[in-house]
Amino acid sequence: MPKLLVDSTAARLSKWLRFLGLDAALDRSKSTAGLLVRARREGRVLVSRRRSLESGSAPGSPPGVVLLESDHLVDQLRQVIATLKLSEGFSPRCTICNGELDIVPRVNADGRVPEFVYRTQSEFAFCHNCDKYYWKGSHWKNVHDASRPLLSE
């Protein structure tokens, strides 16, 4: 599974990629050169809308740059999935820090999530870095519904 470095031009996309379980680090750096160096150093594919990357032959360019063609989130997601030939089966990651989530007993979330969520959900995941709980609510459903057809194309 590829590791990604998403720049500030695609910050919203980084959250969706994390929902899908991809290691998608977000870097808000303004320096294209700095992004390229970090991507190469960490073995990541750079995902960006920066036109300065269009030549694809920048010195020190990482083995992979996905230059997003659309402003629309679902189209961007489609392009990343198609370019990297992704399929289903990844475990979601923290949408805040990109950390791996651990499935935890439901009782752990008691008093830590909204009462309605605790009453209506049976499965929870936890990010130890952010001290945040996750569940398969509307955000997860929206991302999953939008990405499922793309992953099976």
Protein backbone atom coordinates (compact mmCIF):
# COMPACT_ATOMS: atom_id res chain seq x y z
CA MET A 1 0.00 0.00 0.00
CA PRO A 2 1.51 3.34 -1.01
CA LYS A 3 2.29 6.05 1.49
CA LEU A 4 1.13 9.49 0.44
CA LEU A 5 2.20 13.05 1.09
CA VAL A 6 -0.69 15.42 0.44
CA ASP A 7 0.01 19.12 0.23
CA SER A 8 -2.20 22.02 1.26
CA THR A 9 -3.84 22.20 -2.17
CA ALA A 10 -5.61 18.91 -1.39
CA ALA A 11 -6.03 19.05 2.40
CA ARG A 12 -9.67 17.94 2.33
CA LEU A 13 -8.75 14.96 0.17
CA SER A 14 -6.20 13.86 2.80
CA LYS A 15 -9.04 13.24 5.30
CA TRP A 16 -10.95 11.11 2.82
CA LEU A 17 -7.83 9.10 2.02
CA ARG A 18 -7.33 8.49 5.74
CA PHE A 19 -10.94 7.34 6.09
CA LEU A 20 -10.07 4.78 3.42
CA GLY A 21 -7.09 3.66 5.49
CA LEU A 22 -4.30 5.18 3.44
CA ASP A 23 -1.23 6.61 5.13
CA ALA A 24 -1.78 10.19 3.92
CA ALA A 25 0.49 12.67 5.67
CA LEU A 26 -0.55 16.30 5.22
CA ASP A 27 2.12 18.93 4.71
CA ARG A 28 1.05 22.57 4.53
CA SER A 29 4.50 23.73 3.42
CA LYS A 30 4.59 26.42 0.75
CA SER A 31 7.87 25.06 -0.63
CA THR A 32 7.45 22.72 -3.57
CA ALA A 33 11.11 21.74 -3.27
CA GLY A 34 10.61 20.93 0.43
CA LEU A 35 7.62 18.73 -0.40
CA LEU A 36 9.61 16.85 -3.02
CA VAL A 37 12.49 16.30 -0.59
CA ARG A 38 10.15 15.04 2.14
CA ALA A 39 8.30 12.73 -0.26
CA ARG A 40 11.56 11.19 -1.45
CA ARG A 41 13.01 10.90 2.08
CA GLU A 42 9.86 9.17 3.42
CA GLY A 43 9.15 7.10 0.33
CA ARG A 44 5.81 8.81 -0.28
CA VAL A 45 3.85 9.62 -3.40
CA LEU A 46 3.19 13.36 -3.54
CA VAL A 47 -0.46 14.34 -4.17
CA SER A 48 -0.93 17.94 -5.24
CA ARG A 49 -2.73 20.43 -7.46
CA ARG A 50 0.41 22.58 -7.85
CA ARG A 51 0.98 23.38 -11.51
CA SER A 52 4.68 23.87 -10.76
CA LEU A 53 4.90 20.05 -10.67
CA GLU A 54 3.52 19.64 -14.21
CA SER A 55 6.87 19.02 -15.85
CA GLY A 56 7.26 15.89 -13.76
CA SER A 57 10.99 16.15 -14.21
CA ALA A 58 11.87 18.38 -11.30
CA PRO A 59 15.29 17.55 -9.85
CA GLY A 60 14.92 15.27 -6.86
CA SER A 61 11.36 14.42 -7.86
CA PRO A 62 10.03 11.35 -6.03
CA PRO A 63 9.12 8.23 -7.98
CA GLY A 64 5.50 9.28 -7.87
CA VAL A 65 3.60 12.50 -8.11
CA VAL A 66 -0.15 12.51 -8.58
CA LEU A 67 -0.98 15.90 -10.05
CA LEU A 68 -4.69 16.35 -9.41
CA GLU A 69 -6.65 17.54 -12.41
CA SER A 70 -9.93 18.51 -10.74
CA ASP A 71 -11.12 20.87 -8.03
CA HIS A 72 -13.86 18.39 -7.08
CA LEU A 73 -13.21 16.04 -4.19
CA VAL A 74 -14.79 12.90 -5.64
CA ASP A 75 -12.95 13.40 -8.93
CA GLN A 76 -9.69 13.81 -7.01
CA LEU A 77 -10.42 10.63 -5.08
CA ARG A 78 -11.19 8.81 -8.34
CA GLN A 79 -7.89 9.99 -9.84
CA VAL A 80 -5.80 8.87 -6.85
CA ILE A 81 -7.52 5.47 -6.71
CA ALA A 82 -7.09 4.92 -10.46
CA THR A 83 -3.51 6.20 -10.65
CA LEU A 84 -2.33 4.10 -7.71
CA LYS A 85 -4.56 1.13 -8.62
CA LEU A 86 -6.02 0.93 -5.11
CA SER A 87 -8.55 -1.61 -3.90
CA GLU A 88 -10.56 -2.08 -0.71
CA GLY A 89 -9.35 -3.59 2.52
CA PHE A 90 -7.49 -0.89 4.43
CA SER A 91 -8.09 -0.04 8.08
CA PRO A 92 -9.15 3.60 8.62
CA ARG A 93 -6.63 6.04 10.08
CA CYS A 94 -7.03 9.08 12.31
CA THR A 95 -8.32 11.97 10.21
CA ILE A 96 -6.43 14.43 12.42
CA CYS A 97 -2.92 13.01 12.82
CA ASN A 98 -2.88 10.12 10.29
CA GLY A 99 -2.16 7.65 13.12
CA GLU A 100 -3.31 4.05 13.11
CA LEU A 101 -6.58 3.39 14.91
CA ASP A 102 -7.14 0.57 17.38
CA ILE A 103 -10.50 -1.16 17.67
CA VAL A 104 -11.53 -0.81 21.31
CA PRO A 105 -14.28 -2.30 23.46
CA ARG A 106 -17.48 -0.25 23.32
CA VAL A 107 -17.34 0.43 27.05
CA ASN A 108 -14.12 2.44 26.55
CA ALA A 109 -16.11 5.08 24.65
CA ASP A 110 -18.70 5.53 27.42
CA GLY A 111 -18.62 9.18 28.48
CA ARG A 112 -16.07 9.98 25.76
CA VAL A 113 -18.48 10.24 22.81
CA PRO A 114 -21.91 11.89 22.55
CA GLU A 115 -24.59 9.91 24.40
CA PHE A 116 -26.63 9.32 21.24
CA VAL A 117 -23.56 7.94 19.47
CA TYR A 118 -22.81 5.61 22.37
CA ARG A 119 -26.40 4.34 22.39
CA THR A 120 -26.58 3.77 18.62
CA GLN A 121 -23.09 2.50 17.76
CA SER A 122 -21.57 -0.85 18.64
CA GLU A 123 -18.02 -0.46 17.30
CA PHE A 124 -15.43 2.16 18.16
CA ALA A 125 -11.86 2.87 17.18
CA PHE A 126 -9.39 4.99 19.11
CA CYS A 127 -6.37 7.10 18.18
CA HIS A 128 -3.77 7.01 20.96
CA ASN A 129 -1.97 10.04 19.49
CA CYS A 130 -5.00 12.34 19.50
CA ASP A 131 -7.04 10.70 22.26
CA LYS A 132 -9.98 10.67 19.82
CA TYR A 133 -12.71 8.08 19.27
CA TYR A 134 -14.14 7.15 15.89
CA TRP A 135 -17.27 5.30 14.82
CA LYS A 136 -18.98 4.51 11.54
CA GLY A 137 -21.22 7.55 11.44
CA SER A 138 -22.35 9.77 8.60
CA HIS A 139 -18.84 10.95 7.63
CA TRP A 140 -17.60 7.38 7.32
CA LYS A 141 -20.73 6.40 5.39
CA ASN A 142 -20.36 9.32 2.96
CA VAL A 143 -16.72 8.51 2.22
CA HIS A 144 -17.40 4.79 1.99
CA ASP A 145 -20.41 5.26 -0.31
CA ALA A 146 -18.47 7.62 -2.59
CA SER A 147 -15.35 5.46 -2.74
CA ARG A 148 -16.81 1.94 -2.98
CA PRO A 149 -17.71 2.21 -6.69
CA LEU A 150 -14.34 3.82 -7.42
CA LEU A 151 -12.42 1.04 -5.71
CA SER A 152 -14.17 -1.63 -7.74
CA GLU A 153 -13.80 0.08 -11.16
